[in-house]
N, C-alpha and C. Protein backbone atom coordinates (compact mmCIF):
# COMPACT_ATOMS: atom_id res chain seq x y z
N UNK A 1 67.49 83.87 132.48
CA UNK A 1 66.21 84.49 132.23
C UNK A 1 66.19 85.00 130.79
N UNK A 2 65.23 84.54 130.02
CA UNK A 2 65.12 84.95 128.62
C UNK A 2 64.13 86.10 128.51
N UNK A 3 64.67 87.31 128.29
CA UNK A 3 63.83 88.50 128.23
C UNK A 3 62.83 88.46 127.08
N UNK A 4 63.19 87.82 125.99
CA UNK A 4 62.28 87.73 124.85
C UNK A 4 61.07 86.87 125.20
N UNK A 5 61.30 85.79 125.93
CA UNK A 5 60.19 84.93 126.36
C UNK A 5 59.33 85.63 127.39
N UNK A 6 59.97 86.37 128.28
CA UNK A 6 59.22 87.10 129.31
C UNK A 6 58.24 88.07 128.67
N UNK A 7 58.70 88.77 127.63
CA UNK A 7 57.83 89.73 126.94
C UNK A 7 57.00 89.07 125.83
N UNK A 8 57.24 87.79 125.60
CA UNK A 8 56.50 87.01 124.59
C UNK A 8 56.62 87.66 123.21
N UNK A 9 57.86 87.92 122.82
CA UNK A 9 58.15 88.55 121.53
C UNK A 9 59.27 87.78 120.83
N UNK A 10 59.33 87.86 119.50
CA UNK A 10 60.46 87.23 118.80
C UNK A 10 61.74 88.05 118.97
N UNK A 11 62.85 87.40 118.71
CA UNK A 11 64.17 88.02 118.89
C UNK A 11 64.35 89.24 117.99
N UNK A 12 63.77 89.23 116.82
CA UNK A 12 63.97 90.33 115.87
C UNK A 12 62.91 91.42 116.00
N UNK A 13 62.28 91.54 117.16
CA UNK A 13 61.23 92.55 117.38
C UNK A 13 61.80 93.96 117.32
N UNK A 14 60.97 94.86 116.81
CA UNK A 14 61.36 96.27 116.75
C UNK A 14 61.15 96.93 118.12
N UNK A 15 61.67 98.14 118.27
CA UNK A 15 61.52 98.88 119.52
C UNK A 15 60.04 99.12 119.84
N UNK A 16 59.25 99.41 118.82
CA UNK A 16 57.82 99.64 119.06
C UNK A 16 57.11 98.34 119.46
N UNK A 17 57.53 97.20 118.91
CA UNK A 17 56.95 95.91 119.30
C UNK A 17 57.27 95.60 120.77
N UNK A 18 58.49 95.91 121.17
CA UNK A 18 58.91 95.67 122.55
C UNK A 18 58.08 96.53 123.50
N UNK A 19 57.92 97.79 123.14
CA UNK A 19 57.16 98.72 123.98
C UNK A 19 55.70 98.28 124.09
N UNK A 20 55.12 97.89 122.99
CA UNK A 20 53.72 97.45 122.98
C UNK A 20 53.53 96.20 123.84
N UNK A 21 54.42 95.23 123.68
CA UNK A 21 54.33 94.00 124.46
C UNK A 21 54.49 94.29 125.95
N UNK A 22 55.44 95.15 126.29
CA UNK A 22 55.66 95.49 127.69
C UNK A 22 54.42 96.16 128.29
N UNK A 23 53.88 97.14 127.60
CA UNK A 23 52.70 97.85 128.14
C UNK A 23 51.52 96.92 128.35
N UNK A 24 51.32 96.02 127.41
CA UNK A 24 50.21 95.07 127.51
C UNK A 24 50.38 94.15 128.72
N UNK A 25 51.58 93.59 128.86
CA UNK A 25 51.84 92.65 129.96
C UNK A 25 51.97 93.36 131.31
N UNK A 26 52.54 94.57 131.31
CA UNK A 26 52.67 95.33 132.55
C UNK A 26 51.29 95.70 133.11
N UNK A 27 50.37 96.04 132.24
CA UNK A 27 49.01 96.35 132.66
C UNK A 27 48.34 95.11 133.26
N UNK A 28 48.57 93.99 132.64
CA UNK A 28 47.97 92.72 133.10
C UNK A 28 48.54 92.29 134.45
N UNK A 29 49.84 92.45 134.67
CA UNK A 29 50.50 91.94 135.87
C UNK A 29 50.85 92.99 136.91
N UNK A 30 50.37 94.21 136.74
CA UNK A 30 50.70 95.28 137.68
C UNK A 30 50.27 94.88 139.09
N UNK A 31 51.15 95.08 140.09
CA UNK A 31 50.85 94.66 141.46
C UNK A 31 49.65 95.36 142.09
N UNK A 32 49.26 96.53 141.60
CA UNK A 32 48.11 97.23 142.15
C UNK A 32 46.78 96.63 141.69
N UNK A 33 46.83 95.78 140.67
CA UNK A 33 45.61 95.12 140.19
C UNK A 33 45.32 93.91 141.07
N UNK A 34 44.07 93.55 141.14
CA UNK A 34 43.65 92.42 141.97
C UNK A 34 44.34 91.12 141.53
N UNK A 35 44.45 90.93 140.23
CA UNK A 35 45.08 89.71 139.71
C UNK A 35 46.55 89.93 139.37
N UNK A 36 47.15 91.00 139.90
CA UNK A 36 48.53 91.34 139.58
C UNK A 36 49.53 90.38 140.21
N UNK A 37 50.72 90.39 139.64
CA UNK A 37 51.79 89.52 140.10
C UNK A 37 53.05 90.37 140.18
N UNK A 38 53.48 90.68 141.41
CA UNK A 38 54.61 91.59 141.60
C UNK A 38 55.91 91.04 141.03
N UNK A 39 56.16 89.75 141.22
CA UNK A 39 57.39 89.14 140.71
C UNK A 39 57.42 89.18 139.17
N UNK A 40 56.31 88.85 138.55
CA UNK A 40 56.22 88.87 137.08
C UNK A 40 56.39 90.31 136.58
N UNK A 41 55.82 91.27 137.30
CA UNK A 41 55.94 92.68 136.91
C UNK A 41 57.40 93.14 136.96
N UNK A 42 58.15 92.70 137.99
CA UNK A 42 59.56 93.04 138.10
C UNK A 42 60.35 92.45 136.93
N UNK A 43 60.04 91.21 136.57
CA UNK A 43 60.71 90.57 135.43
C UNK A 43 60.41 91.32 134.14
N UNK A 44 59.15 91.71 133.96
CA UNK A 44 58.77 92.46 132.76
C UNK A 44 59.51 93.79 132.68
N UNK A 45 59.61 94.48 133.82
CA UNK A 45 60.30 95.77 133.85
C UNK A 45 61.78 95.62 133.53
N UNK A 46 62.42 94.59 134.08
CA UNK A 46 63.82 94.35 133.80
C UNK A 46 64.03 94.01 132.32
N UNK A 47 63.16 93.17 131.79
CA UNK A 47 63.26 92.80 130.38
C UNK A 47 63.07 94.02 129.49
N UNK A 48 62.08 94.83 129.79
CA UNK A 48 61.82 96.02 128.98
C UNK A 48 62.97 97.02 129.07
N UNK A 49 63.47 97.27 130.28
CA UNK A 49 64.58 98.22 130.45
C UNK A 49 65.82 97.77 129.69
N UNK A 50 66.03 96.49 129.60
CA UNK A 50 67.20 95.97 128.88
C UNK A 50 66.99 96.02 127.37
N UNK A 51 65.85 95.50 126.90
CA UNK A 51 65.63 95.39 125.46
C UNK A 51 65.25 96.70 124.78
N UNK A 52 64.76 97.68 125.55
CA UNK A 52 64.38 98.95 124.93
C UNK A 52 65.58 99.87 124.73
N UNK A 53 66.69 99.60 125.40
CA UNK A 53 67.92 100.38 125.23
C UNK A 53 68.81 99.62 124.25
N UNK A 54 69.13 100.23 123.12
CA UNK A 54 69.85 99.51 122.06
C UNK A 54 71.21 98.98 122.51
N UNK A 55 71.94 99.73 123.33
CA UNK A 55 73.26 99.27 123.80
C UNK A 55 73.10 98.09 124.75
N UNK A 56 72.14 98.19 125.67
CA UNK A 56 71.91 97.08 126.61
C UNK A 56 71.40 95.85 125.87
N UNK A 57 70.56 96.06 124.87
CA UNK A 57 70.02 94.94 124.11
C UNK A 57 71.13 94.22 123.35
N UNK A 58 72.02 94.98 122.75
CA UNK A 58 73.13 94.37 122.02
C UNK A 58 74.01 93.54 122.95
N UNK A 59 74.31 94.10 124.12
CA UNK A 59 75.11 93.37 125.11
C UNK A 59 74.37 92.11 125.58
N UNK A 60 73.08 92.25 125.85
CA UNK A 60 72.28 91.09 126.29
C UNK A 60 72.29 90.00 125.22
N UNK A 61 72.08 90.39 123.98
CA UNK A 61 72.07 89.42 122.89
C UNK A 61 73.41 88.71 122.76
N UNK A 62 74.50 89.44 122.93
CA UNK A 62 75.83 88.83 122.82
C UNK A 62 76.14 87.90 123.98
N UNK A 63 75.68 88.25 125.17
CA UNK A 63 76.03 87.48 126.35
C UNK A 63 75.00 86.41 126.70
N UNK A 64 73.74 86.75 126.67
CA UNK A 64 72.69 85.86 127.18
C UNK A 64 71.97 85.05 126.12
N UNK A 65 72.05 85.43 124.89
CA UNK A 65 71.33 84.72 123.84
C UNK A 65 72.29 84.32 122.74
N UNK A 66 73.11 83.30 122.97
CA UNK A 66 74.14 82.97 121.99
C UNK A 66 73.63 82.36 120.69
N UNK A 67 72.39 81.94 120.63
CA UNK A 67 71.92 81.27 119.42
C UNK A 67 70.96 82.12 118.60
N UNK A 68 71.10 83.42 118.69
CA UNK A 68 70.28 84.31 117.88
C UNK A 68 70.82 84.29 116.46
N UNK A 69 70.01 83.88 115.49
CA UNK A 69 70.52 83.83 114.12
C UNK A 69 70.65 85.21 113.50
N UNK A 70 71.64 85.36 112.66
CA UNK A 70 71.80 86.58 111.88
C UNK A 70 70.97 86.44 110.61
N UNK A 71 71.04 87.42 109.72
CA UNK A 71 70.24 87.40 108.50
C UNK A 71 70.46 86.13 107.68
N UNK A 72 71.70 85.64 107.66
CA UNK A 72 71.99 84.46 106.86
C UNK A 72 71.74 83.17 107.62
N UNK A 73 71.20 83.26 108.85
CA UNK A 73 70.85 82.08 109.62
C UNK A 73 71.98 81.53 110.46
N UNK A 74 73.13 82.21 110.49
CA UNK A 74 74.27 81.72 111.25
C UNK A 74 74.64 82.77 112.29
N UNK A 75 74.85 82.33 113.52
CA UNK A 75 75.30 83.24 114.56
C UNK A 75 76.80 83.40 114.43
N UNK A 76 77.25 84.60 114.14
CA UNK A 76 78.66 84.86 113.85
C UNK A 76 79.55 84.55 115.05
N UNK A 77 79.09 84.88 116.27
CA UNK A 77 79.90 84.65 117.46
C UNK A 77 80.12 83.16 117.70
N UNK A 78 79.06 82.37 117.64
CA UNK A 78 79.18 80.93 117.85
C UNK A 78 79.99 80.31 116.73
N UNK A 79 79.73 80.73 115.49
CA UNK A 79 80.45 80.18 114.33
C UNK A 79 81.95 80.43 114.45
N UNK A 80 82.32 81.63 114.88
CA UNK A 80 83.74 81.96 114.97
C UNK A 80 84.44 81.16 116.07
N UNK A 81 83.70 80.74 117.09
CA UNK A 81 84.30 79.92 118.13
C UNK A 81 84.70 78.55 117.59
N UNK A 82 83.94 78.03 116.66
CA UNK A 82 84.24 76.73 116.08
C UNK A 82 85.28 76.81 114.97
N UNK A 83 85.24 77.89 114.20
CA UNK A 83 86.11 78.03 113.04
C UNK A 83 86.98 79.27 113.15
N UNK A 84 87.81 79.32 114.17
CA UNK A 84 88.69 80.47 114.35
C UNK A 84 89.71 80.51 113.21
N UNK A 85 90.07 81.70 112.82
CA UNK A 85 91.07 81.93 111.78
C UNK A 85 90.64 81.32 110.45
N UNK A 86 89.36 81.42 110.11
CA UNK A 86 88.93 80.82 108.85
C UNK A 86 88.51 81.88 107.85
N UNK A 87 88.59 81.52 106.59
CA UNK A 87 88.12 82.37 105.51
C UNK A 87 87.25 81.48 104.64
N UNK A 88 85.93 81.56 104.85
CA UNK A 88 85.03 80.63 104.16
C UNK A 88 84.88 80.93 102.68
N UNK A 89 85.20 82.15 102.28
CA UNK A 89 85.07 82.47 100.86
C UNK A 89 86.01 81.62 100.02
N UNK A 90 87.20 81.37 100.52
CA UNK A 90 88.16 80.56 99.79
C UNK A 90 88.29 79.15 100.38
N UNK A 91 87.52 78.88 101.41
CA UNK A 91 87.58 77.60 102.12
C UNK A 91 88.99 77.32 102.62
N UNK A 92 89.62 78.37 103.11
CA UNK A 92 90.96 78.23 103.67
C UNK A 92 90.86 78.40 105.18
N UNK A 93 91.63 77.61 105.89
CA UNK A 93 91.64 77.69 107.34
C UNK A 93 93.07 77.92 107.80
N UNK A 94 93.20 78.78 108.79
CA UNK A 94 94.52 79.15 109.28
C UNK A 94 94.73 78.54 110.67
N UNK A 95 95.91 78.10 110.92
CA UNK A 95 96.28 77.68 112.26
C UNK A 95 97.47 78.52 112.69
N UNK A 96 97.49 78.88 113.96
CA UNK A 96 98.56 79.71 114.49
C UNK A 96 99.30 78.89 115.54
N UNK A 97 100.61 78.81 115.40
CA UNK A 97 101.45 78.09 116.35
C UNK A 97 102.43 79.07 116.97
N UNK A 98 102.64 78.93 118.26
CA UNK A 98 103.58 79.78 118.97
C UNK A 98 104.77 78.94 119.41
N UNK A 99 105.96 79.40 119.07
CA UNK A 99 107.20 78.75 119.46
C UNK A 99 107.91 79.66 120.45
N UNK A 100 108.30 79.11 121.59
CA UNK A 100 109.01 79.89 122.60
C UNK A 100 110.43 79.36 122.71
N UNK A 101 111.40 80.25 122.62
CA UNK A 101 112.81 79.89 122.72
C UNK A 101 113.34 80.41 124.05
N UNK A 102 113.95 79.52 124.83
CA UNK A 102 114.55 79.89 126.11
C UNK A 102 116.06 80.04 125.90
N UNK A 103 116.57 81.24 126.11
CA UNK A 103 118.00 81.50 125.95
C UNK A 103 118.72 81.21 127.26
N UNK A 104 120.03 80.96 127.17
CA UNK A 104 120.83 80.61 128.35
C UNK A 104 120.90 81.74 129.37
N UNK A 105 120.72 82.98 128.93
CA UNK A 105 120.75 84.10 129.87
C UNK A 105 119.41 84.28 130.61
N UNK A 106 118.45 83.39 130.35
CA UNK A 106 117.16 83.43 131.03
C UNK A 106 116.08 84.19 130.28
N UNK A 107 116.43 84.81 129.16
CA UNK A 107 115.43 85.56 128.41
C UNK A 107 114.61 84.61 127.52
N UNK A 108 113.45 85.08 127.16
CA UNK A 108 112.53 84.30 126.32
C UNK A 108 112.27 85.04 125.02
N UNK A 109 112.01 84.28 124.00
CA UNK A 109 111.62 84.86 122.72
C UNK A 109 110.48 84.01 122.17
N UNK A 110 109.38 84.64 121.84
CA UNK A 110 108.24 83.91 121.27
C UNK A 110 108.09 84.29 119.81
N UNK A 111 107.72 83.31 119.03
CA UNK A 111 107.53 83.53 117.60
C UNK A 111 106.25 82.81 117.17
N UNK A 112 105.38 83.54 116.51
CA UNK A 112 104.13 82.95 116.02
C UNK A 112 104.23 82.69 114.53
N UNK A 113 103.76 81.53 114.12
CA UNK A 113 103.72 81.21 112.69
C UNK A 113 102.28 80.90 112.32
N UNK A 114 101.91 81.33 111.16
CA UNK A 114 100.54 81.15 110.68
C UNK A 114 100.62 80.29 109.42
N UNK A 115 99.89 79.18 109.42
CA UNK A 115 99.89 78.33 108.23
C UNK A 115 98.47 78.21 107.71
N UNK A 116 98.35 78.10 106.41
CA UNK A 116 97.05 78.02 105.77
C UNK A 116 96.84 76.64 105.17
N UNK A 117 95.64 76.11 105.38
CA UNK A 117 95.27 74.84 104.78
C UNK A 117 94.04 75.10 103.93
N UNK A 118 94.10 74.70 102.71
CA UNK A 118 92.98 74.91 101.79
C UNK A 118 92.28 73.58 101.53
N UNK A 119 90.95 73.62 101.63
CA UNK A 119 90.15 72.42 101.41
C UNK A 119 89.31 72.61 100.14
N UNK A 120 89.11 71.54 99.44
CA UNK A 120 88.31 71.60 98.21
C UNK A 120 86.89 71.20 98.53
């Protein structure tokens, strides 16, 4: 369920825009009205309760809306999933390898190595 579509607002809407959109649509779909729609009203209320609370909105955006662009047009969470351990400023990419050593006494030792590859 896309709360932004339910409220018919863009992703970067302000708190006052969210409130205004909710009030307008809640009045239109209120179940006490002759043309009201109880299911739509419940969706509107859930969307408003989530998006009007900054902590809930941030969590919703991180979990439910993975393609929300940031100011530079790139979603940091999605980008980092594709380019883990990268430093785009220097165009260097890091890979991490884990080596596990099994000793004869049954103990284990793990060692991580980090290598950098630079691209032109």
